[in-house]
């Protein structure tokens, strides 16, 4: 059984590692996190695949996602609350 998502904070934002979680676990964990971070805080997602179903969900609640450099084989996203 896979463990839950790992979360931590760094100067660039709140990080969440959802690699290894079966769907819909990653999307649920990411949406839960963006709903709790303070205004002005960004979220960095560490994922093992392109989360295509996550993007419209983020847009619907006022967040954008852009891909950033990550480890080999990792999909890393920078999530920002839209003004």
PDB file of N, CA and C in Angstrom:
ATOM      1  N   UNK A   1       0.850  -1.187   0.000  1.00  0.00           N
ATOM      2  CA  UNK A   1       0.000   0.000   0.000  1.00  0.00           C
ATOM      3  C   UNK A   1       0.883   1.234   0.000  1.00  0.00           C
ATOM      4  N   UNK A   2       0.606   2.185  -0.880  1.00  0.00           N
ATOM      5  CA  UNK A   2       1.399   3.402  -0.988  1.00  0.00           C
ATOM      6  C   UNK A   2       1.077   4.344   0.163  1.00  0.00           C
ATOM      7  N   UNK A   3       2.107   5.050   0.593  1.00  0.00           N
ATOM      8  CA  UNK A   3       1.920   6.060   1.630  1.00  0.00           C
ATOM      9  C   UNK A   3       1.207   7.258   1.024  1.00  0.00           C
ATOM     10  N   UNK A   4       0.740   8.154   1.886  1.00  0.00           N
ATOM     11  CA  UNK A   4       0.094   9.370   1.411  1.00  0.00           C
ATOM     12  C   UNK A   4       1.119  10.343   0.850  1.00  0.00           C
ATOM     13  N   UNK A   5       0.650  11.484   0.382  1.00  0.00           N
ATOM     14  CA  UNK A   5       1.561  12.468  -0.196  1.00  0.00           C
ATOM     15  C   UNK A   5       2.481  13.059   0.868  1.00  0.00           C
ATOM     16  N   UNK A   6       3.693  13.362   0.451  1.00  0.00           N
ATOM     17  CA  UNK A   6       4.651  14.007   1.342  1.00  0.00           C
ATOM     18  C   UNK A   6       4.548  15.514   1.124  1.00  0.00           C
ATOM     19  N   UNK A   7       4.518  16.291   2.193  1.00  0.00           N
ATOM     20  CA  UNK A   7       4.404  17.750   2.118  1.00  0.00           C
ATOM     21  C   UNK A   7       5.529  18.398   2.905  1.00  0.00           C
ATOM     22  N   UNK A   8       6.033  19.520   2.388  1.00  0.00           N
ATOM     23  CA  UNK A   8       7.032  20.308   3.093  1.00  0.00           C
ATOM     24  C   UNK A   8       7.031  21.720   2.524  1.00  0.00           C
ATOM     25  N   UNK A   9       7.709  22.637   3.219  1.00  0.00           N
ATOM     26  CA  UNK A   9       7.791  24.031   2.779  1.00  0.00           C
ATOM     27  C   UNK A   9       9.220  24.391   2.438  1.00  0.00           C
ATOM     28  N   UNK A  10       9.363  25.199   1.390  1.00  0.00           N
ATOM     29  CA  UNK A  10      10.649  25.765   0.986  1.00  0.00           C
ATOM     30  C   UNK A  10      10.383  27.220   0.634  1.00  0.00           C
ATOM     31  N   UNK A  11      11.433  28.009   0.427  1.00  0.00           N
ATOM     32  CA  UNK A  11      11.215  29.424   0.104  1.00  0.00           C
ATOM     33  C   UNK A  11      10.346  29.667  -1.132  1.00  0.00           C
ATOM     34  N   UNK A  12      10.320  28.716  -2.076  1.00  0.00           N
ATOM     35  CA  UNK A  12       9.514  28.910  -3.287  1.00  0.00           C
ATOM     36  C   UNK A  12       8.056  28.482  -3.122  1.00  0.00           C
ATOM     37  N   UNK A  13       7.689  27.940  -1.976  1.00  0.00           N
ATOM     38  CA  UNK A  13       6.297  27.584  -1.733  1.00  0.00           C
ATOM     39  C   UNK A  13       6.120  26.286  -0.986  1.00  0.00           C
ATOM     40  N   UNK A  14       4.857  25.871  -0.912  1.00  0.00           N
ATOM     41  CA  UNK A  14       4.498  24.595  -0.282  1.00  0.00           C
ATOM     42  C   UNK A  14       4.689  23.496  -1.315  1.00  0.00           C
ATOM     43  N   UNK A  15       5.438  22.468  -0.968  1.00  0.00           N
ATOM     44  CA  UNK A  15       5.696  21.351  -1.877  1.00  0.00           C
ATOM     45  C   UNK A  15       4.835  20.166  -1.496  1.00  0.00           C
ATOM     46  N   UNK A  16       4.404  19.433  -2.533  1.00  0.00           N
ATOM     47  CA  UNK A  16       3.675  18.187  -2.313  1.00  0.00           C
ATOM     48  C   UNK A  16       4.175  17.164  -3.329  1.00  0.00           C
ATOM     49  N   UNK A  17       4.523  15.997  -2.835  1.00  0.00           N
ATOM     50  CA  UNK A  17       5.015  14.906  -3.678  1.00  0.00           C
ATOM     51  C   UNK A  17       3.936  13.833  -3.730  1.00  0.00           C
ATOM     52  N   UNK A  18       3.321  13.707  -4.902  1.00  0.00           N
ATOM     53  CA  UNK A  18       2.232  12.742  -5.073  1.00  0.00           C
ATOM     54  C   UNK A  18       2.647  11.559  -5.937  1.00  0.00           C
ATOM     55  N   UNK A  19       3.954  11.437  -6.184  1.00  0.00           N
ATOM     56  CA  UNK A  19       4.434  10.321  -7.011  1.00  0.00           C
ATOM     57  C   UNK A  19       4.104   9.002  -6.338  1.00  0.00           C
ATOM     58  N   UNK A  20       3.654   8.058  -7.141  1.00  0.00           N
ATOM     59  CA  UNK A  20       3.333   6.727  -6.633  1.00  0.00           C
ATOM     60  C   UNK A  20       1.906   6.564  -6.162  1.00  0.00           C
ATOM     61  N   UNK A  21       1.145   7.649  -6.069  1.00  0.00           N
ATOM     62  CA  UNK A  21      -0.249   7.536  -5.651  1.00  0.00           C
ATOM     63  C   UNK A  21      -1.122   7.167  -6.849  1.00  0.00           C
ATOM     64  N   UNK A  22      -2.086   6.308  -6.624  1.00  0.00           N
ATOM     65  CA  UNK A  22      -3.032   5.940  -7.675  1.00  0.00           C
ATOM     66  C   UNK A  22      -4.101   7.016  -7.809  1.00  0.00           C
ATOM     67  N   UNK A  23      -4.579   7.252  -9.049  1.00  0.00           N
ATOM     68  CA  UNK A  23      -5.666   8.212  -9.226  1.00  0.00           C
ATOM     69  C   UNK A  23      -6.898   7.764  -8.442  1.00  0.00           C
ATOM     70  N   UNK A  24      -7.678   8.663  -7.914  1.00  0.00           N
ATOM     71  CA  UNK A  24      -7.576  10.114  -7.991  1.00  0.00           C
ATOM     72  C   UNK A  24      -6.799  10.739  -6.843  1.00  0.00           C
ATOM     73  N   UNK A  25      -6.002   9.941  -6.129  1.00  0.00           N
ATOM     74  CA  UNK A  25      -5.268  10.429  -4.963  1.00  0.00           C
ATOM     75  C   UNK A  25      -4.455  11.692  -5.192  1.00  0.00           C
ATOM     76  N   UNK A  26      -3.657  11.759  -6.265  1.00  0.00           N
ATOM     77  CA  UNK A  26      -2.877  12.980  -6.484  1.00  0.00           C
ATOM     78  C   UNK A  26      -3.749  14.223  -6.632  1.00  0.00           C
ATOM     79  N   UNK A  27      -4.799  14.148  -7.432  1.00  0.00           N
ATOM     80  CA  UNK A  27      -5.646  15.321  -7.638  1.00  0.00           C
ATOM     81  C   UNK A  27      -6.326  15.737  -6.341  1.00  0.00           C
ATOM     82  N   UNK A  28      -6.826  14.788  -5.593  1.00  0.00           N
ATOM     83  CA  UNK A  28      -7.490  15.092  -4.326  1.00  0.00           C
ATOM     84  C   UNK A  28      -6.513  15.783  -3.376  1.00  0.00           C
ATOM     85  N   UNK A  29      -5.302  15.258  -3.250  1.00  0.00           N
ATOM     86  CA  UNK A  29      -4.310  15.830  -2.336  1.00  0.00           C
ATOM     87  C   UNK A  29      -3.893  17.232  -2.776  1.00  0.00           C
ATOM     88  N   UNK A  30      -3.703  17.438  -4.073  1.00  0.00           N
ATOM     89  CA  UNK A  30      -3.288  18.748  -4.577  1.00  0.00           C
ATOM     90  C   UNK A  30      -4.396  19.779  -4.357  1.00  0.00           C
ATOM     91  N   UNK A  31      -5.627  19.432  -4.692  1.00  0.00           N
ATOM     92  CA  UNK A  31      -6.732  20.371  -4.499  1.00  0.00           C
ATOM     93  C   UNK A  31      -6.950  20.687  -3.023  1.00  0.00           C
ATOM     94  N   UNK A  32      -6.747  19.711  -2.174  1.00  0.00           N
ATOM     95  CA  UNK A  32      -6.854  19.951  -0.732  1.00  0.00           C
ATOM     96  C   UNK A  32      -5.783  20.945  -0.286  1.00  0.00           C
ATOM     97  N   UNK A  33      -4.559  20.774  -0.777  1.00  0.00           N
ATOM     98  CA  UNK A  33      -3.471  21.665  -0.387  1.00  0.00           C
ATOM     99  C   UNK A  33      -3.705  23.085  -0.884  1.00  0.00           C
ATOM    100  N   UNK A  34      -4.079  23.263  -2.157  1.00  0.00           N
ATOM    101  CA  UNK A  34      -4.271  24.635  -2.655  1.00  0.00           C
ATOM    102  C   UNK A  34      -5.423  25.326  -1.941  1.00  0.00           C
ATOM    103  N   UNK A  35      -6.343  24.568  -1.401  1.00  0.00           N
ATOM    104  CA  UNK A  35      -7.440  25.157  -0.636  1.00  0.00           C
ATOM    105  C   UNK A  35      -7.052  25.614   0.747  1.00  0.00           C
ATOM    106  N   UNK A  36      -5.843  25.254   1.182  1.00  0.00           N
ATOM    107  CA  UNK A  36      -5.435  25.604   2.551  1.00  0.00           C
ATOM    108  C   UNK A  36      -4.226  26.524   2.630  1.00  0.00           C
ATOM    109  N   UNK A  37      -3.508  26.748   1.524  1.00  0.00           N
ATOM    110  CA  UNK A  37      -2.320  27.609   1.603  1.00  0.00           C
ATOM    111  C   UNK A  37      -2.742  29.064   1.711  1.00  0.00           C
ATOM    112  N   UNK A  38      -1.954  29.878   2.420  1.00  0.00           N
ATOM    113  CA  UNK A  38      -2.297  31.298   2.560  1.00  0.00           C
ATOM    114  C   UNK A  38      -2.216  32.029   1.225  1.00  0.00           C
ATOM    115  N   UNK A  39      -2.960  33.119   1.111  1.00  0.00           N
ATOM    116  CA  UNK A  39      -2.894  33.949  -0.091  1.00  0.00           C
ATOM    117  C   UNK A  39      -1.457  34.352  -0.352  1.00  0.00           C
ATOM    118  N   UNK A  40      -1.088  34.358  -1.616  1.00  0.00           N
ATOM    119  CA  UNK A  40       0.271  34.738  -1.993  1.00  0.00           C
ATOM    120  C   UNK A  40       1.257  33.589  -1.960  1.00  0.00           C
ATOM    121  N   UNK A  41       0.839  32.430  -1.474  1.00  0.00           N
ATOM    122  CA  UNK A  41       1.733  31.270  -1.428  1.00  0.00           C
ATOM    123  C   UNK A  41       1.559  30.435  -2.694  1.00  0.00           C
ATOM    124  N   UNK A  42       2.663  29.978  -3.244  1.00  0.00           N
ATOM    125  CA  UNK A  42       2.638  29.097  -4.399  1.00  0.00           C
ATOM    126  C   UNK A  42       2.744  27.651  -3.939  1.00  0.00           C
ATOM    127  N   UNK A  43       2.417  26.741  -4.839  1.00  0.00           N
ATOM    128  CA  UNK A  43       2.494  25.313  -4.557  1.00  0.00           C
ATOM    129  C   UNK A  43       3.354  24.663  -5.640  1.00  0.00           C
ATOM    130  N   UNK A  44       4.278  23.822  -5.230  1.00  0.00           N
ATOM    131  CA  UNK A  44       5.112  23.059  -6.143  1.00  0.00           C
ATOM    132  C   UNK A  44       4.697  21.596  -6.035  1.00  0.00           C
ATOM    133  N   UNK A  45       4.310  21.023  -7.181  1.00  0.00           N
ATOM    134  CA  UNK A  45       3.831  19.644  -7.225  1.00  0.00           C
ATOM    135  C   UNK A  45       4.906  18.761  -7.843  1.00  0.00           C
ATOM    136  N   UNK A  46       5.185  17.643  -7.211  1.00  0.00           N
ATOM    137  CA  UNK A  46       6.105  16.617  -7.720  1.00  0.00           C
ATOM    138  C   UNK A  46       5.230  15.428  -8.103  1.00  0.00           C
ATOM    139  N   UNK A  47       5.149  15.167  -9.402  1.00  0.00           N
ATOM    140  CA  UNK A  47       4.210  14.165  -9.928  1.00  0.00           C
ATOM    141  C   UNK A  47       4.976  13.216 -10.850  1.00  0.00           C
ATOM    142  N   UNK A  48       4.429  12.025 -11.077  1.00  0.00           N
ATOM    143  CA  UNK A  48       5.099  11.099 -11.983  1.00  0.00           C
ATOM    144  C   UNK A  48       4.433  11.032 -13.348  1.00  0.00           C
ATOM    145  N   UNK A  49       3.379  11.825 -13.558  1.00  0.00           N
ATOM    146  CA  UNK A  49       2.722  11.872 -14.872  1.00  0.00           C
ATOM    147  C   UNK A  49       2.041  13.233 -15.038  1.00  0.00           C
ATOM    148  N   UNK A  50       1.730  13.543 -16.279  1.00  0.00           N
ATOM    149  CA  UNK A  50       1.042  14.804 -16.592  1.00  0.00           C
ATOM    150  C   UNK A  50      -0.395  14.722 -16.053  1.00  0.00           C
ATOM    151  N   UNK A  51      -0.773  15.596 -15.114  1.00  0.00           N
ATOM    152  CA  UNK A  51      -2.105  15.516 -14.500  1.00  0.00           C
ATOM    153  C   UNK A  51      -3.171  16.255 -15.323  1.00  0.00           C
ATOM    154  N   UNK A  52      -3.526  15.706 -16.466  1.00  0.00           N
ATOM    155  CA  UNK A  52      -4.419  16.384 -17.408  1.00  0.00           C
ATOM    156  C   UNK A  52      -5.775  16.760 -16.809  1.00  0.00           C
ATOM    157  N   UNK A  53      -6.320  15.927 -15.951  1.00  0.00           N
ATOM    158  CA  UNK A  53      -7.625  16.230 -15.362  1.00  0.00           C
ATOM    159  C   UNK A  53      -7.542  17.280 -14.258  1.00  0.00           C
ATOM    160  N   UNK A  54      -6.346  17.539 -13.753  1.00  0.00           N
ATOM    161  CA  UNK A  54      -6.165  18.541 -12.699  1.00  0.00           C
ATOM    162  C   UNK A  54      -6.291  19.967 -13.235  1.00  0.00           C
ATOM    163  N   UNK A  55      -5.805  20.214 -14.446  1.00  0.00           N
ATOM    164  CA  UNK A  55      -5.747  21.583 -14.973  1.00  0.00           C
ATOM    165  C   UNK A  55      -7.100  22.293 -15.009  1.00  0.00           C
ATOM    166  N   UNK A  56      -8.171  21.681 -15.525  1.00  0.00           N
ATOM    167  CA  UNK A  56      -9.456  22.388 -15.500  1.00  0.00           C
ATOM    168  C   UNK A  56      -9.989  22.602 -14.087  1.00  0.00           C
ATOM    169  N   UNK A  57      -9.684  21.671 -13.187  1.00  0.00           N
ATOM    170  CA  UNK A  57     -10.112  21.834 -11.793  1.00  0.00           C
ATOM    171  C   UNK A  57      -9.415  23.033 -11.154  1.00  0.00           C
ATOM    172  N   UNK A  58      -8.121  23.182 -11.414  1.00  0.00           N
ATOM    173  CA  UNK A  58      -7.385  24.335 -10.892  1.00  0.00           C
ATOM    174  C   UNK A  58      -7.928  25.637 -11.471  1.00  0.00           C
ATOM    175  N   UNK A  59      -8.149  25.669 -12.785  1.00  0.00           N
ATOM    176  CA  UNK A  59      -8.656  26.874 -13.437  1.00  0.00           C
ATOM    177  C   UNK A  59     -10.009  27.286 -12.851  1.00  0.00           C
ATOM    178  N   UNK A  60     -10.840  26.312 -12.536  1.00  0.00           N
ATOM    179  CA  UNK A  60     -12.166  26.603 -12.001  1.00  0.00           C
ATOM    180  C   UNK A  60     -12.115  27.278 -10.636  1.00  0.00           C
ATOM    181  N   UNK A  61     -11.019  27.061  -9.895  1.00  0.00           N
ATOM    182  CA  UNK A  61     -10.899  27.681  -8.566  1.00  0.00           C
ATOM    183  C   UNK A  61      -9.870  28.810  -8.555  1.00  0.00           C
ATOM    184  N   UNK A  62      -9.447  29.256  -9.755  1.00  0.00           N
ATOM    185  CA  UNK A  62      -8.592  30.433  -9.842  1.00  0.00           C
ATOM    186  C   UNK A  62      -7.107  30.192  -9.711  1.00  0.00           C
ATOM    187  N   UNK A  63      -6.640  29.015 -10.081  1.00  0.00           N
ATOM    188  CA  UNK A  63      -5.215  28.696 -10.015  1.00  0.00           C
ATOM    189  C   UNK A  63      -4.702  28.379 -11.414  1.00  0.00           C
ATOM    190  N   UNK A  64      -3.430  28.682 -11.662  1.00  0.00           N
ATOM    191  CA  UNK A  64      -2.777  28.311 -12.918  1.00  0.00           C
ATOM    192  C   UNK A  64      -1.631  27.361 -12.616  1.00  0.00           C
ATOM    193  N   UNK A  65      -1.230  26.603 -13.617  1.00  0.00           N
ATOM    194  CA  UNK A  65      -0.134  25.642 -13.465  1.00  0.00           C
ATOM    195  C   UNK A  65       0.836  25.812 -14.620  1.00  0.00           C
ATOM    196  N   UNK A  66       2.123  25.772 -14.303  1.00  0.00           N
ATOM    197  CA  UNK A  66       3.145  25.770 -15.347  1.00  0.00           C
ATOM    198  C   UNK A  66       4.175  24.714 -14.995  1.00  0.00           C
ATOM    199  N   UNK A  67       4.693  24.078 -16.021  1.00  0.00           N
ATOM    200  CA  UNK A  67       5.696  23.034 -15.818  1.00  0.00           C
ATOM    201  C   UNK A  67       7.049  23.685 -15.578  1.00  0.00           C
ATOM    202  N   UNK A  68       7.790  23.165 -14.616  1.00  0.00           N
ATOM    203  CA  UNK A  68       9.134  23.650 -14.310  1.00  0.00           C
ATOM    204  C   UNK A  68      10.089  22.463 -14.293  1.00  0.00           C
ATOM    205  N   UNK A  69      11.382  22.769 -14.348  1.00  0.00           N
ATOM    206  CA  UNK A  69      12.391  21.709 -14.363  1.00  0.00           C
ATOM    207  C   UNK A  69      12.314  20.892 -13.074  1.00  0.00           C
ATOM    208  N   UNK A  70      12.464  19.590 -13.235  1.00  0.00           N
ATOM    209  CA  UNK A  70      12.451  18.682 -12.093  1.00  0.00           C
ATOM    210  C   UNK A  70      13.464  17.577 -12.298  1.00  0.00           C
ATOM    211  N   UNK A  71      13.379  16.577 -11.470  1.00  0.00           N
ATOM    212  CA  UNK A  71      14.264  15.423 -11.580  1.00  0.00           C
ATOM    213  C   UNK A  71      13.918  14.627 -12.840  1.00  0.00           C
ATOM    214  N   UNK A  72      14.849  13.834 -13.354  1.00  0.00           N
ATOM    215  CA  UNK A  72      14.534  12.992 -14.520  1.00  0.00           C
ATOM    216  C   UNK A  72      13.333  12.088 -14.222  1.00  0.00           C
ATOM    217  N   UNK A  73      12.388  12.040 -15.153  1.00  0.00           N
ATOM    218  CA  UNK A  73      11.201  11.212 -14.987  1.00  0.00           C
ATOM    219  C   UNK A  73      10.111  11.828 -14.140  1.00  0.00           C
ATOM    220  N   UNK A  74      10.326  13.048 -13.650  1.00  0.00           N
ATOM    221  CA  UNK A  74       9.353  13.718 -12.790  1.00  0.00           C
ATOM    222  C   UNK A  74       8.646  14.819 -13.576  1.00  0.00           C
ATOM    223  N   UNK A  75       7.363  14.968 -13.334  1.00  0.00           N
ATOM    224  CA  UNK A  75       6.616  16.125 -13.825  1.00  0.00           C
ATOM    225  C   UNK A  75       6.489  17.067 -12.634  1.00  0.00           C
ATOM    226  N   UNK A  76       7.137  18.219 -12.726  1.00  0.00           N
ATOM    227  CA  UNK A  76       7.093  19.194 -11.629  1.00  0.00           C
ATOM    228  C   UNK A  76       6.306  20.410 -12.101  1.00  0.00           C
ATOM    229  N   UNK A  77       5.344  20.801 -11.285  1.00  0.00           N
ATOM    230  CA  UNK A  77       4.462  21.916 -11.623  1.00  0.00           C
ATOM    231  C   UNK A  77       4.565  23.014 -10.576  1.00  0.00           C
ATOM    232  N   UNK A  78       4.483  24.255 -11.058  1.00  0.00           N
ATOM    233  CA  UNK A  78       4.428  25.427 -10.191  1.00  0.00           C
ATOM    234  C   UNK A  78       3.006  25.962 -10.281  1.00  0.00           C
ATOM    235  N   UNK A  79       2.267  25.905  -9.183  1.00  0.00           N
ATOM    236  CA  UNK A  79       0.882  26.362  -9.147  1.00  0.00           C
ATOM    237  C   UNK A  79       0.827  27.733  -8.495  1.00  0.00           C
ATOM    238  N   UNK A  80       0.064  28.639  -9.129  1.00  0.00           N
ATOM    239  CA  UNK A  80      -0.095  30.003  -8.611  1.00  0.00           C
ATOM    240  C   UNK A  80      -1.573  30.362  -8.598  1.00  0.00           C
ATOM    241  N   UNK A  81      -1.951  31.087  -7.557  1.00  0.00           N
ATOM    242  CA  UNK A  81      -3.311  31.633  -7.500  1.00  0.00           C
ATOM    243  C   UNK A  81      -3.352  32.825  -8.429  1.00  0.00           C
ATOM    244  N   UNK A  82      -4.349  32.868  -9.298  1.00  0.00           N
ATOM    245  CA  UNK A  82      -4.488  33.976 -10.242  1.00  0.00           C
ATOM    246  C   UNK A  82      -5.058  35.197  -9.527  1.00  0.00           C
ATOM    247  N   UNK A  83      -4.578  36.397  -9.894  1.00  0.00           N
ATOM    248  CA  UNK A  83      -5.104  37.626  -9.245  1.00  0.00           C
ATOM    249  C   UNK A  83      -6.554  37.904  -9.621  1.00  0.00           C
TER     250      UNK A  83
END
